[in-house]
Amino acid sequence: MSRHAVITGIGVTAPNGLGTEAYWAATLEGRSGIGPISRFDPAGYPVRVAGEVSDFTAAEHVPSRLIPQTDNWTHLGLTAAAWALDDAGADPAAFPEYEMAVVTASSSGGTEFGQREIERLWTKGPSWVGAYQSIAWFYAATTGQISIRHGMRGSCGVVCAEQAGALDAVGQARQLIRTGTRLVVTGGADASLCPYGLTAQYSSGRLSQGDDPGRAYLPFDVGAAGYVPGEGGAMLVVENAADAHARAAPVIYGEIAGYAATFDPRPGSGREPGLRRAMELALADAGLAAGGVDVVFADAAGVPELDLQEATAIRAVFGPDGVPVTAPKTMTGRLYAGGAALDLAGALLAIRDGVIPPTAGVTELAPGCDLDLVRGAAREARVGTAMVVARGYGGFNAAIVVTKTD
């Protein structure tokens, strides 16, 4: 008997909204969470704006003993996971502990925590570095803390593939459900808005130096000049469809119908990037033709060369103006491992509500990027199937197809 992986819970911690419904309302209204960096003085840095989760207070959501032991990235992930479980109506105590799993994505780990400990090392010496540095920075810290907090002792892991990581994590969650796991918490989050983290991100050469929060991140636009970094993400609860129905889950947002991942060829090889192939493989995995997709949530790098590559791939798969495309991350910044998870949450909400969120700020499409980009305002539409695509720095590509369930 086949096991279908469905998503029954969503938890969101985003720059423009804490909680799923707050985020979704802000996104549909076009309210951005991008603004001047306030976490530290950015005067000496070329990047001045970011998507900060400014209204989040860890003490209101995370057990007090964990706060000094873990990074802000883990605080955001723990909170989103708890909200996703509540949304799913899933009490972990009611599930066998070895039949619950956790697979998340991270691209930077606990950078902010690490910076504090490095500062203590440099200014006061090794004896001042706390013992929790050894675990708080680690990419799997959030997975581990979610597992411990909720007693989930099944298969646990972390995927490190930058922006593509969360889709890979969800793909692994689907595989776990297919092989017998009852429930998986999956998704991604990142929080690296500190001097150390920003310097590391800037080395990619892809960050925007724009000072205007409304114009700094313009994917597919003639004014595209890099992206704005952000923090936060989303966590999802994935279950077998039959099990979800058996326990009367409050809602089933959709099914993970198709997934694929590819890797770009060596730079300078002259070969095509792997994004188009990832989309085609995800469609094949879902058993769908391109015409069956109602919206694509784009990677939207905001770098002219990368935007052109993505637009070319989308047009090759779906045809000219063949599918509506959107990039709501223009209201949050690119959240690295949290970005694709948040897009996937948005895709499921678009299916639920029959509306495609807008892409903010973009006014004039760049040559070669003539997509049916949803701009200006949300677009009402029948959305039964959505594709989310993501690319991670270093050559990672991933695509997921989610469909409406009966």
Protein backbone atom coordinates (compact mmCIF):
# COMPACT_ATOMS: atom_id res chain seq x y z
CA MET A 1 0.00 0.00 0.00
CA SER A 2 1.50 3.33 -1.07
CA ARG A 3 2.19 5.98 1.55
CA HIS A 4 1.55 9.58 0.50
CA ALA A 5 3.46 12.35 2.31
CA VAL A 6 1.17 15.25 3.19
CA ILE A 7 1.82 18.46 5.11
CA THR A 8 -0.44 18.93 8.11
CA GLY A 9 1.25 21.77 9.99
CA ILE A 10 3.08 25.01 9.23
CA GLY A 11 5.05 27.28 11.57
CA VAL A 12 6.61 30.54 10.36
CA THR A 13 9.11 32.99 11.82
CA ALA A 14 9.66 35.63 9.14
CA PRO A 15 10.83 39.25 8.98
CA ASN A 16 7.35 40.41 7.96
CA GLY A 17 5.34 38.24 10.31
CA LEU A 18 5.62 35.98 13.34
CA GLY A 19 3.26 33.06 12.91
CA THR A 20 1.80 31.63 9.72
CA GLU A 21 -1.27 33.83 9.43
CA ALA A 22 0.58 37.03 10.33
CA TYR A 23 3.21 36.28 7.69
CA TRP A 24 0.61 35.38 5.08
CA ALA A 25 -1.51 38.48 5.69
CA ALA A 26 1.55 40.74 5.41
CA THR A 27 2.74 38.97 2.25
CA LEU A 28 -0.61 39.22 0.47
CA GLU A 29 -0.78 42.91 1.37
CA GLY A 30 2.76 43.49 0.10
CA ARG A 31 4.12 44.54 3.51
CA SER A 32 7.87 44.13 3.63
CA GLY A 33 10.03 43.15 6.58
CA ILE A 34 13.19 44.54 4.99
CA GLY A 35 14.67 47.60 6.67
CA PRO A 36 17.90 49.15 7.94
CA ILE A 37 20.05 46.77 9.96
CA SER A 38 19.44 47.43 13.66
CA ARG A 39 21.14 44.42 15.30
CA PHE A 40 24.49 46.18 15.11
CA ASP A 41 25.94 49.37 13.61
CA PRO A 42 26.35 48.64 9.87
CA ALA A 43 28.14 51.90 9.10
CA GLY A 44 31.39 50.15 8.31
CA TYR A 45 29.82 47.56 6.02
CA PRO A 46 28.71 47.83 2.39
CA VAL A 47 25.39 46.09 3.18
CA ARG A 48 23.01 48.31 5.17
CA VAL A 49 19.57 46.67 4.92
CA ALA A 50 18.31 43.20 5.82
CA GLY A 51 15.22 41.22 6.71
CA GLU A 52 15.39 41.07 10.52
CA VAL A 53 12.84 39.23 12.67
CA SER A 54 12.71 42.25 14.92
CA ASP A 55 9.65 41.48 17.04
CA PHE A 56 10.82 38.06 18.25
CA THR A 57 11.62 37.60 21.94
CA ALA A 58 13.14 34.20 22.64
CA ALA A 59 12.06 34.19 26.30
CA GLU A 60 8.43 34.17 25.18
CA HIS A 61 8.82 30.99 23.13
CA VAL A 62 11.88 29.02 24.20
CA PRO A 63 12.55 27.33 27.59
CA SER A 64 14.73 29.67 29.65
CA ARG A 65 17.46 27.10 30.22
CA LEU A 66 17.97 26.72 26.45
CA ILE A 67 18.38 30.39 25.64
CA PRO A 68 22.00 30.76 26.87
CA GLN A 69 22.89 27.38 25.37
CA THR A 70 21.68 28.00 21.82
CA ASP A 71 21.83 30.53 18.98
CA ASN A 72 19.06 32.82 17.76
CA TRP A 73 18.76 30.60 14.67
CA THR A 74 17.83 27.68 16.90
CA HIS A 75 15.39 29.85 18.87
CA LEU A 76 13.58 30.69 15.63
CA GLY A 77 13.59 27.06 14.52
CA LEU A 78 12.32 25.73 17.85
CA THR A 79 9.51 28.27 17.83
CA ALA A 80 8.46 27.50 14.26
CA ALA A 81 8.53 23.75 14.97
CA ALA A 82 6.32 24.12 18.06
CA TRP A 83 3.86 26.24 16.07
CA ALA A 84 3.81 23.69 13.24
CA LEU A 85 3.01 20.86 15.66
CA ASP A 86 0.24 22.93 17.25
CA ASP A 87 -1.13 23.74 13.81
CA ALA A 88 -1.14 20.03 12.96
CA GLY A 89 -2.91 19.17 16.19
CA ALA A 90 -0.14 16.64 16.73
CA ASP A 91 0.81 15.87 20.33
CA PRO A 92 4.22 14.18 20.18
CA ALA A 93 3.37 12.27 23.36
CA ALA A 94 0.70 10.41 21.39
CA PHE A 95 3.22 9.04 18.86
CA PRO A 96 5.82 6.29 19.37
CA GLU A 97 9.08 8.15 19.95
CA TYR A 98 11.04 6.13 17.40
CA GLU A 99 8.40 6.79 14.72
CA MET A 100 8.93 10.57 14.77
CA ALA A 101 11.82 12.17 12.88
CA VAL A 102 13.42 15.59 12.41
CA VAL A 103 15.20 16.74 9.23
CA THR A 104 16.03 20.44 8.91
CA ALA A 105 18.31 22.61 6.81
CA SER A 106 20.93 25.14 7.84
CA SER A 107 23.50 27.06 5.85
CA SER A 108 25.43 28.95 8.52
CA GLY A 109 24.75 27.35 11.89
CA GLY A 110 24.96 29.43 15.07
CA THR A 111 26.97 32.34 13.70
CA GLU A 112 25.75 34.96 16.15
CA PHE A 113 26.52 32.73 19.14
CA GLY A 114 29.90 31.94 17.62
CA GLN A 115 30.78 35.60 17.20
CA ARG A 116 30.17 36.28 20.90
CA GLU A 117 32.44 33.41 21.88
CA ILE A 118 35.16 34.44 19.41
CA GLU A 119 35.07 37.96 20.87
CA ARG A 120 35.56 36.49 24.35
CA LEU A 121 38.46 34.39 23.08
CA TRP A 122 40.21 37.40 21.53
CA THR A 123 39.59 39.86 24.34
CA LYS A 124 39.71 37.68 27.48
CA GLY A 125 41.30 34.36 26.58
CA PRO A 126 40.31 30.70 26.13
CA SER A 127 38.98 30.25 29.67
CA TRP A 128 36.17 32.70 28.88
CA VAL A 129 34.79 30.65 25.97
CA GLY A 130 31.64 28.84 27.06
CA ALA A 131 31.23 25.10 26.75
CA TYR A 132 28.06 25.47 24.68
CA GLN A 133 30.04 26.94 21.80
CA SER A 134 30.90 23.35 20.87
CA ILE A 135 27.25 22.58 20.06
CA ALA A 136 25.46 25.91 19.55
CA TRP A 137 27.26 26.72 16.29
CA PHE A 138 26.79 23.24 14.81
CA TYR A 139 24.54 22.94 11.75
CA ALA A 140 22.54 20.13 13.37
CA ALA A 141 21.88 22.04 16.60
CA THR A 142 18.33 22.98 15.67
CA THR A 143 17.48 19.45 14.58
CA GLY A 144 18.87 18.13 17.85
CA GLN A 145 17.01 20.61 20.03
CA ILE A 146 13.69 19.95 18.27
CA SER A 147 14.27 16.22 18.69
CA ILE A 148 15.06 16.56 22.40
CA ARG A 149 12.25 19.00 23.18
CA HIS A 150 9.54 16.84 21.59
CA GLY A 151 10.95 13.36 22.27
CA MET A 152 11.47 12.53 18.61
CA ARG A 153 14.00 9.70 18.52
CA GLY A 154 13.62 8.42 14.98
CA SER A 155 15.83 9.35 12.04
CA CYS A 156 17.26 12.86 12.51
CA GLY A 157 19.55 14.88 10.27
CA VAL A 158 20.46 18.22 8.73
CA VAL A 159 21.01 19.28 5.12
CA CYS A 160 23.56 21.96 4.24
CA ALA A 161 22.85 23.17 0.71
CA GLU A 162 22.31 26.91 1.33
CA GLN A 163 19.03 28.15 -0.20
CA ALA A 164 18.22 24.72 -1.68
CA GLY A 165 18.67 22.93 1.63
CA ALA A 166 15.11 23.13 2.92
CA LEU A 167 13.69 21.55 -0.22
CA ASP A 168 16.22 18.73 0.12
CA ALA A 169 15.20 18.32 3.76
CA VAL A 170 11.52 18.08 2.78
CA GLY A 171 12.45 15.58 0.08
CA GLN A 172 14.15 13.46 2.73
CA ALA A 173 11.09 13.81 4.96
CA ARG A 174 8.93 12.40 2.18
CA GLN A 175 11.25 9.43 1.86
CA LEU A 176 11.06 8.80 5.60
CA ILE A 177 7.26 8.80 5.46
CA ARG A 178 7.33 6.38 2.54
CA THR A 179 9.51 3.97 4.51
CA GLY A 180 7.32 3.91 7.60
CA THR A 181 8.00 6.96 9.76
CA ARG A 182 4.77 8.33 11.24
CA LEU A 183 5.62 12.04 11.56
CA VAL A 184 8.50 14.27 10.45
CA VAL A 185 9.28 17.84 11.46
CA THR A 186 11.14 19.41 8.56
CA GLY A 187 11.98 22.76 6.98
CA GLY A 188 14.73 25.27 7.57
CA ALA A 189 15.82 28.43 9.33
CA ASP A 190 18.86 30.65 9.45
CA ALA A 191 19.91 33.74 11.39
CA SER A 192 23.29 35.14 10.51
CA LEU A 193 22.79 38.90 10.78
CA CYS A 194 25.87 39.79 12.77
CA PRO A 195 29.20 41.30 11.64
CA TYR A 196 30.87 37.89 11.34
CA GLY A 197 27.92 36.40 9.47
CA LEU A 198 27.45 39.39 7.18
CA THR A 199 31.14 39.42 6.26
CA ALA A 200 30.98 35.74 5.34
CA GLN A 201 27.87 36.29 3.23
CA TYR A 202 29.37 39.30 1.47
CA SER A 203 32.26 37.20 0.22
CA SER A 204 29.90 35.59 -2.30
CA GLY A 205 29.72 38.88 -4.22
CA ARG A 206 25.93 38.56 -4.50
CA LEU A 207 24.67 40.90 -1.77
CA SER A 208 22.99 44.18 -2.63
CA GLN A 209 24.57 47.41 -1.47
CA GLY A 210 21.36 49.37 -1.92
CA ASP A 211 20.20 51.56 0.97
CA ASP A 212 16.54 51.81 -0.04
CA PRO A 213 14.69 48.84 1.54
CA GLY A 214 12.07 48.95 -1.19
CA ARG A 215 14.57 48.90 -4.07
CA ALA A 216 17.57 46.97 -2.76
CA TYR A 217 16.36 43.53 -3.88
CA LEU A 218 14.83 43.44 -7.37
CA PRO A 219 14.99 39.98 -8.95
CA PHE A 220 14.30 39.85 -12.71
CA ASP A 221 14.28 43.67 -12.81
CA VAL A 222 16.51 45.92 -14.91
CA GLY A 223 17.73 47.36 -11.62
CA ALA A 224 18.74 44.02 -10.11
CA ALA A 225 22.04 44.39 -8.24
CA GLY A 226 22.16 41.59 -5.71
CA TYR A 227 19.96 40.33 -2.93
CA VAL A 228 19.16 41.40 0.62
CA PRO A 229 20.01 38.89 3.37
CA GLY A 230 17.41 37.91 5.92
CA GLU A 231 16.72 35.58 8.84
CA GLY A 232 13.97 33.21 9.88
CA GLY A 233 12.22 30.46 7.96
CA ALA A 234 9.51 27.86 8.33
CA MET A 235 8.98 24.41 9.78
CA LEU A 236 6.48 21.87 8.48
CA VAL A 237 4.87 18.71 9.84
CA VAL A 238 4.79 15.87 7.31
CA GLU A 239 2.73 12.70 7.79
CA ASN A 240 1.40 9.76 5.85
CA ALA A 241 -1.98 10.75 4.40
CA ALA A 242 -3.80 7.72 5.80
CA ASP A 243 -2.38 8.32 9.27
CA ALA A 244 -3.34 12.00 9.15
CA HIS A 245 -6.90 11.10 8.22
CA ALA A 246 -7.04 8.38 10.88
CA ARG A 247 -6.18 10.82 13.65
CA ALA A 248 -8.48 13.50 12.19
CA ALA A 249 -5.75 16.05 11.52
CA PRO A 250 -7.33 19.53 11.50
CA VAL A 251 -6.02 20.38 8.05
CA ILE A 252 -4.04 18.83 5.21
CA TYR A 253 -2.38 21.63 3.26
CA GLY A 254 -1.19 19.50 0.38
CA GLU A 255 0.83 16.53 -0.77
CA ILE A 256 4.53 16.45 -1.60
CA ALA A 257 3.96 15.08 -5.09
CA GLY A 258 7.37 15.53 -6.68
CA TYR A 259 10.94 16.34 -5.70
CA ALA A 260 14.30 16.46 -7.45
CA ALA A 261 17.78 17.82 -6.87
CA THR A 262 20.65 18.44 -9.27
CA PHE A 263 24.10 19.98 -9.18
CA ASP A 264 25.53 22.51 -11.59
CA PRO A 265 28.41 21.50 -13.87
CA ARG A 266 31.89 22.81 -13.31
CA PRO A 267 32.14 26.58 -13.99
CA GLY A 268 33.55 27.24 -17.43
CA SER A 269 32.45 23.87 -18.79
CA GLY A 270 29.97 25.47 -21.16
CA ARG A 271 27.23 23.13 -19.96
CA GLU A 272 23.77 24.30 -18.94
CA PRO A 273 23.11 24.89 -15.22
CA GLY A 274 21.09 22.18 -13.51
CA LEU A 275 17.97 24.14 -12.56
CA ARG A 276 15.91 23.25 -15.63
CA ARG A 277 16.69 19.57 -15.16
CA ALA A 278 15.67 19.76 -11.49
CA MET A 279 12.28 21.20 -12.49
CA GLU A 280 11.76 18.58 -15.18
CA LEU A 281 12.73 15.75 -12.85
CA ALA A 282 10.39 17.03 -10.13
CA LEU A 283 7.52 17.12 -12.63
CA ALA A 284 8.33 13.59 -13.78
CA ASP A 285 8.49 12.42 -10.17
CA ALA A 286 5.02 13.91 -9.62
CA GLY A 287 3.70 12.36 -12.82
CA LEU A 288 2.66 15.78 -14.11
CA ALA A 289 3.06 17.73 -17.32
CA ALA A 290 4.26 21.31 -17.14
CA GLY A 291 0.77 22.53 -17.97
CA GLY A 292 -0.49 21.08 -14.71
CA VAL A 293 1.43 23.61 -12.60
CA ASP A 294 -0.48 26.73 -11.56
CA VAL A 295 2.36 28.80 -10.08
CA VAL A 296 6.13 28.72 -9.65
CA PHE A 297 7.76 30.21 -6.56
CA ALA A 298 11.07 31.35 -8.00
CA ASP A 299 14.54 31.23 -6.50
CA ALA A 300 14.91 34.92 -7.49
CA ALA A 301 18.61 35.49 -6.87
CA GLY A 302 18.50 39.19 -7.72
CA VAL A 303 21.81 38.84 -9.59
CA PRO A 304 21.32 39.66 -13.31
CA GLU A 305 23.20 36.65 -14.66
CA LEU A 306 21.46 34.23 -12.29
CA ASP A 307 18.05 35.80 -12.90
CA LEU A 308 18.49 35.33 -16.64
CA GLN A 309 19.50 31.69 -16.13
CA GLU A 310 16.41 31.05 -14.02
CA ALA A 311 14.03 32.85 -16.38
CA THR A 312 15.48 30.88 -19.29
CA ALA A 313 14.97 27.61 -17.40
CA ILE A 314 11.38 28.46 -16.46
CA ARG A 315 10.54 29.42 -20.03
CA ALA A 316 12.17 26.24 -21.34
CA VAL A 317 10.03 24.08 -19.06
CA PHE A 318 6.73 25.96 -19.13
CA GLY A 319 6.89 27.98 -22.34
CA PRO A 320 6.69 31.76 -22.80
CA ASP A 321 4.27 33.18 -20.20
CA GLY A 322 3.29 29.57 -19.56
CA VAL A 323 2.89 29.86 -15.80
CA PRO A 324 2.54 32.63 -13.21
CA VAL A 325 5.79 33.19 -11.31
CA THR A 326 6.24 34.90 -7.97
CA ALA A 327 9.01 35.79 -5.51
CA PRO A 328 7.54 36.85 -2.16
CA LYS A 329 11.03 36.68 -0.68
CA THR A 330 11.38 40.24 -2.01
CA MET A 331 9.56 41.15 1.24
CA THR A 332 11.84 39.17 3.55
CA GLY A 333 15.21 38.95 1.86
CA ARG A 334 16.84 35.64 1.06
CA LEU A 335 16.74 33.57 4.23
CA TYR A 336 19.28 30.97 3.08
CA ALA A 337 18.16 27.59 4.49
CA GLY A 338 14.95 29.23 5.68
CA GLY A 339 14.08 30.77 2.32
CA ALA A 340 12.82 27.77 0.37
CA ALA A 341 10.97 26.47 3.45
CA LEU A 342 9.14 29.79 3.66
CA ASP A 343 8.38 29.66 -0.06
CA LEU A 344 7.00 26.15 0.37
CA ALA A 345 4.77 27.38 3.19
CA GLY A 346 3.61 30.18 0.87
CA ALA A 347 2.88 27.71 -1.92
CA LEU A 348 0.71 25.61 0.40
CA LEU A 349 -1.16 28.70 1.59
CA ALA A 350 -1.67 29.78 -2.03
CA ILE A 351 -3.28 26.40 -2.66
CA ARG A 352 -5.44 26.78 0.44
CA ASP A 353 -6.67 30.28 -0.34
CA GLY A 354 -6.63 30.40 -4.15
CA VAL A 355 -4.34 33.43 -4.33
CA ILE A 356 -0.78 34.03 -5.56
CA PRO A 357 1.30 36.43 -3.45
CA PRO A 358 3.02 39.32 -5.20
CA THR A 359 6.63 40.10 -5.97
CA ALA A 360 7.49 43.45 -4.37
CA GLY A 361 9.47 46.29 -5.91
CA VAL A 362 9.94 44.93 -9.44
CA THR A 363 8.73 47.46 -12.02
CA GLU A 364 10.54 46.72 -15.28
CA LEU A 365 11.59 43.23 -16.31
CA ALA A 366 15.14 42.82 -17.55
CA PRO A 367 15.75 41.64 -21.12
CA GLY A 368 15.33 37.88 -21.30
CA CYS A 369 13.38 37.80 -18.03
CA ASP A 370 9.97 38.28 -19.62
CA LEU A 371 8.04 36.03 -17.26
CA ASP A 372 4.43 36.23 -16.12
CA LEU A 373 5.71 37.67 -12.85
CA VAL A 374 2.97 38.47 -10.33
CA ARG A 375 3.71 42.07 -9.38
CA GLY A 376 2.07 44.94 -7.58
CA ALA A 377 -0.73 43.01 -5.91
CA ALA A 378 -1.74 39.46 -5.09
CA ARG A 379 -3.52 37.61 -7.89
CA GLU A 380 -6.59 35.47 -7.29
CA ALA A 381 -6.28 32.17 -9.13
CA ARG A 382 -7.18 28.55 -8.92
CA VAL A 383 -4.05 26.98 -7.44
CA GLY A 384 -4.16 23.21 -7.31
CA THR A 385 -0.47 22.58 -7.96
CA ALA A 386 2.57 24.69 -7.14
CA MET A 387 6.28 24.30 -7.79
CA VAL A 388 8.97 25.76 -5.55
CA VAL A 389 12.51 26.05 -6.90
CA ALA A 390 15.71 26.96 -5.12
CA ARG A 391 19.41 27.28 -5.82
CA GLY A 392 22.16 27.14 -3.23
CA TYR A 393 25.50 28.89 -3.51
CA GLY A 394 28.02 26.40 -4.84
CA GLY A 395 25.83 24.73 -7.45
CA PHE A 396 22.89 23.19 -5.58
CA ASN A 397 19.48 23.06 -7.28
CA ALA A 398 16.20 21.65 -5.98
CA ALA A 399 12.53 21.67 -6.96
CA ILE A 400 9.42 20.46 -5.19
CA VAL A 401 5.87 20.05 -6.51
CA VAL A 402 3.01 20.24 -4.01
CA THR A 403 -0.59 19.47 -4.91
CA LYS A 404 -3.98 20.01 -3.37
CA THR A 405 -5.49 16.96 -1.69
CA ASP A 406 -9.07 15.82 -1.68
